[in-house]
Amino acid sequence: FDDLIAIQENKDVLPEAGLDLVFSHDFWGQKLDDWQSHKSFRPLTILSFRASYILAGRRWDEMHFHAANVVLHALVALLVLPAARL
């Protein structure tokens, strides 16, 4: 329900936005020091949205975003597996 604001209207998701913006803005694209900012700092999430957007051919395609999310979750699970064996 918040995909429109968090992803499609968030200029930080677009590749044209500099990486410095990803690390100086909150999840919603507001400056972290802005009084309207939620202070929700999630740069990895924004970078994953950006990667999904690029891999989808620079268009908003839910299937590509979902597939990228599944792949990222699988990779994290594989990375955690060795630690779980300890």
C-alpha atoms as a PDB file:
ATOM      1  CA  PHE A   1       0.000   0.000   0.000  1.00  0.00           C
ATOM      2  CA  ASP A   2       2.958   2.308   0.445  1.00  0.00           C
ATOM      3  CA  ASP A   3       4.794   1.163  -2.707  1.00  0.00           C
ATOM      4  CA  LEU A   4       3.731   4.232  -4.639  1.00  0.00           C
ATOM      5  CA  ILE A   5       5.338   6.630  -2.145  1.00  0.00           C
ATOM      6  CA  ALA A   6       8.264   4.464  -1.013  1.00  0.00           C
ATOM      7  CA  ILE A   7       9.324   3.275  -4.445  1.00  0.00           C
ATOM      8  CA  GLN A   8       7.735   5.015  -7.421  1.00  0.00           C
ATOM      9  CA  GLU A   9       7.734   8.551  -5.990  1.00  0.00           C
ATOM     10  CA  ASN A  10      11.091   8.185  -4.214  1.00  0.00           C
ATOM     11  CA  LYS A  11      13.687   9.854  -6.448  1.00  0.00           C
ATOM     12  CA  ASP A  12      16.494   8.032  -4.588  1.00  0.00           C
ATOM     13  CA  VAL A  13      15.385   4.789  -6.268  1.00  0.00           C
ATOM     14  CA  LEU A  14      16.216   6.191  -9.702  1.00  0.00           C
ATOM     15  CA  PRO A  15      19.768   5.539 -10.952  1.00  0.00           C
ATOM     16  CA  GLU A  16      20.134   9.221 -11.852  1.00  0.00           C
ATOM     17  CA  ALA A  17      20.112  10.129  -8.153  1.00  0.00           C
ATOM     18  CA  GLY A  18      23.573  10.073  -6.661  1.00  0.00           C
ATOM     19  CA  LEU A  19      24.563   7.411  -4.162  1.00  0.00           C
ATOM     20  CA  ASP A  20      25.217  10.172  -1.651  1.00  0.00           C
ATOM     21  CA  LEU A  21      21.461  10.832  -1.559  1.00  0.00           C
ATOM     22  CA  VAL A  22      20.746   7.205  -0.663  1.00  0.00           C
ATOM     23  CA  PHE A  23      23.004   7.574   2.364  1.00  0.00           C
ATOM     24  CA  SER A  24      21.737  11.004   3.414  1.00  0.00           C
ATOM     25  CA  HIS A  25      17.973  10.486   2.983  1.00  0.00           C
ATOM     26  CA  ASP A  26      15.479   8.392   4.901  1.00  0.00           C
ATOM     27  CA  PHE A  27      13.467   5.505   3.454  1.00  0.00           C
ATOM     28  CA  TRP A  28      10.902   7.915   2.023  1.00  0.00           C
ATOM     29  CA  GLY A  29      13.428  10.149   0.225  1.00  0.00           C
ATOM     30  CA  GLN A  30      13.436  12.983   2.785  1.00  0.00           C
ATOM     31  CA  LYS A  31      16.673  14.472   4.089  1.00  0.00           C
ATOM     32  CA  LEU A  32      17.521  12.804   7.390  1.00  0.00           C
ATOM     33  CA  ASP A  33      17.931  16.151   9.133  1.00  0.00           C
ATOM     34  CA  ASP A  34      14.599  17.459   7.810  1.00  0.00           C
ATOM     35  CA  TRP A  35      11.899  17.921  10.442  1.00  0.00           C
ATOM     36  CA  GLN A  36       9.487  15.888   8.272  1.00  0.00           C
ATOM     37  CA  SER A  37      11.847  12.913   8.097  1.00  0.00           C
ATOM     38  CA  HIS A  38      10.803   9.696   9.795  1.00  0.00           C
ATOM     39  CA  LYS A  39      14.516   9.041  10.443  1.00  0.00           C
ATOM     40  CA  SER A  40      14.039   5.543   8.975  1.00  0.00           C
ATOM     41  CA  PHE A  41      17.510   5.020   7.486  1.00  0.00           C
ATOM     42  CA  ARG A  42      17.417   1.978   5.158  1.00  0.00           C
ATOM     43  CA  PRO A  43      19.971   2.459   2.378  1.00  0.00           C
ATOM     44  CA  LEU A  44      20.235  -1.254   1.500  1.00  0.00           C
ATOM     45  CA  THR A  45      16.504  -1.401   0.863  1.00  0.00           C
ATOM     46  CA  ILE A  46      16.652   1.640  -1.408  1.00  0.00           C
ATOM     47  CA  LEU A  47      19.648   0.163  -3.246  1.00  0.00           C
ATOM     48  CA  SER A  48      17.740  -3.103  -3.765  1.00  0.00           C
ATOM     49  CA  PHE A  49      14.802  -1.103  -5.186  1.00  0.00           C
ATOM     50  CA  ARG A  50      17.241   0.682  -7.488  1.00  0.00           C
ATOM     51  CA  ALA A  51      18.777  -2.607  -8.658  1.00  0.00           C
ATOM     52  CA  SER A  52      15.307  -4.049  -9.304  1.00  0.00           C
ATOM     53  CA  TYR A  53      14.333  -0.951 -11.285  1.00  0.00           C
ATOM     54  CA  ILE A  54      17.469  -1.220 -13.432  1.00  0.00           C
ATOM     55  CA  LEU A  55      17.071  -4.989 -13.959  1.00  0.00           C
ATOM     56  CA  ALA A  56      13.427  -4.439 -14.950  1.00  0.00           C
ATOM     57  CA  GLY A  57      14.578  -2.239 -17.828  1.00  0.00           C
ATOM     58  CA  ARG A  58      14.009   1.045 -15.985  1.00  0.00           C
ATOM     59  CA  ARG A  59      10.299   0.458 -15.515  1.00  0.00           C
ATOM     60  CA  TRP A  60       8.076  -0.295 -12.540  1.00  0.00           C
ATOM     61  CA  ASP A  61       7.465  -4.025 -12.886  1.00  0.00           C
ATOM     62  CA  GLU A  62       6.120  -5.802  -9.809  1.00  0.00           C
ATOM     63  CA  MET A  63       7.276  -9.229 -11.003  1.00  0.00           C
ATOM     64  CA  HIS A  64      10.900  -8.105 -11.323  1.00  0.00           C
ATOM     65  CA  PHE A  65      10.785  -6.459  -7.901  1.00  0.00           C
ATOM     66  CA  HIS A  66       9.303  -9.615  -6.372  1.00  0.00           C
ATOM     67  CA  ALA A  67      11.815 -11.898  -8.114  1.00  0.00           C
ATOM     68  CA  ALA A  68      14.733  -9.727  -6.984  1.00  0.00           C
ATOM     69  CA  ASN A  69      13.399  -9.840  -3.429  1.00  0.00           C
ATOM     70  CA  VAL A  70      13.167 -13.636  -3.486  1.00  0.00           C
ATOM     71  CA  VAL A  71      16.723 -13.918  -4.843  1.00  0.00           C
ATOM     72  CA  LEU A  72      18.084 -11.535  -2.199  1.00  0.00           C
ATOM     73  CA  HIS A  73      16.336 -13.451   0.585  1.00  0.00           C
ATOM     74  CA  ALA A  74      17.742 -16.731  -0.735  1.00  0.00           C
ATOM     75  CA  LEU A  75      21.263 -15.281  -0.841  1.00  0.00           C
ATOM     76  CA  VAL A  76      20.978 -14.026   2.732  1.00  0.00           C
ATOM     77  CA  ALA A  77      19.713 -17.439   3.837  1.00  0.00           C
ATOM     78  CA  LEU A  78      22.715 -19.095   2.193  1.00  0.00           C
ATOM     79  CA  LEU A  79      25.056 -16.646   3.907  1.00  0.00           C
ATOM     80  CA  VAL A  80      23.480 -17.320   7.293  1.00  0.00           C
ATOM     81  CA  LEU A  81      23.577 -21.098   6.873  1.00  0.00           C
ATOM     82  CA  PRO A  82      27.262 -21.503   7.858  1.00  0.00           C
ATOM     83  CA  ALA A  83      26.704 -19.411  10.989  1.00  0.00           C
ATOM     84  CA  ALA A  84      23.664 -21.519  11.913  1.00  0.00           C
ATOM     85  CA  ARG A  85      25.816 -24.659  11.884  1.00  0.00           C
ATOM     86  CA  LEU A  86      28.000 -23.325  14.702  1.00  0.00           C
END
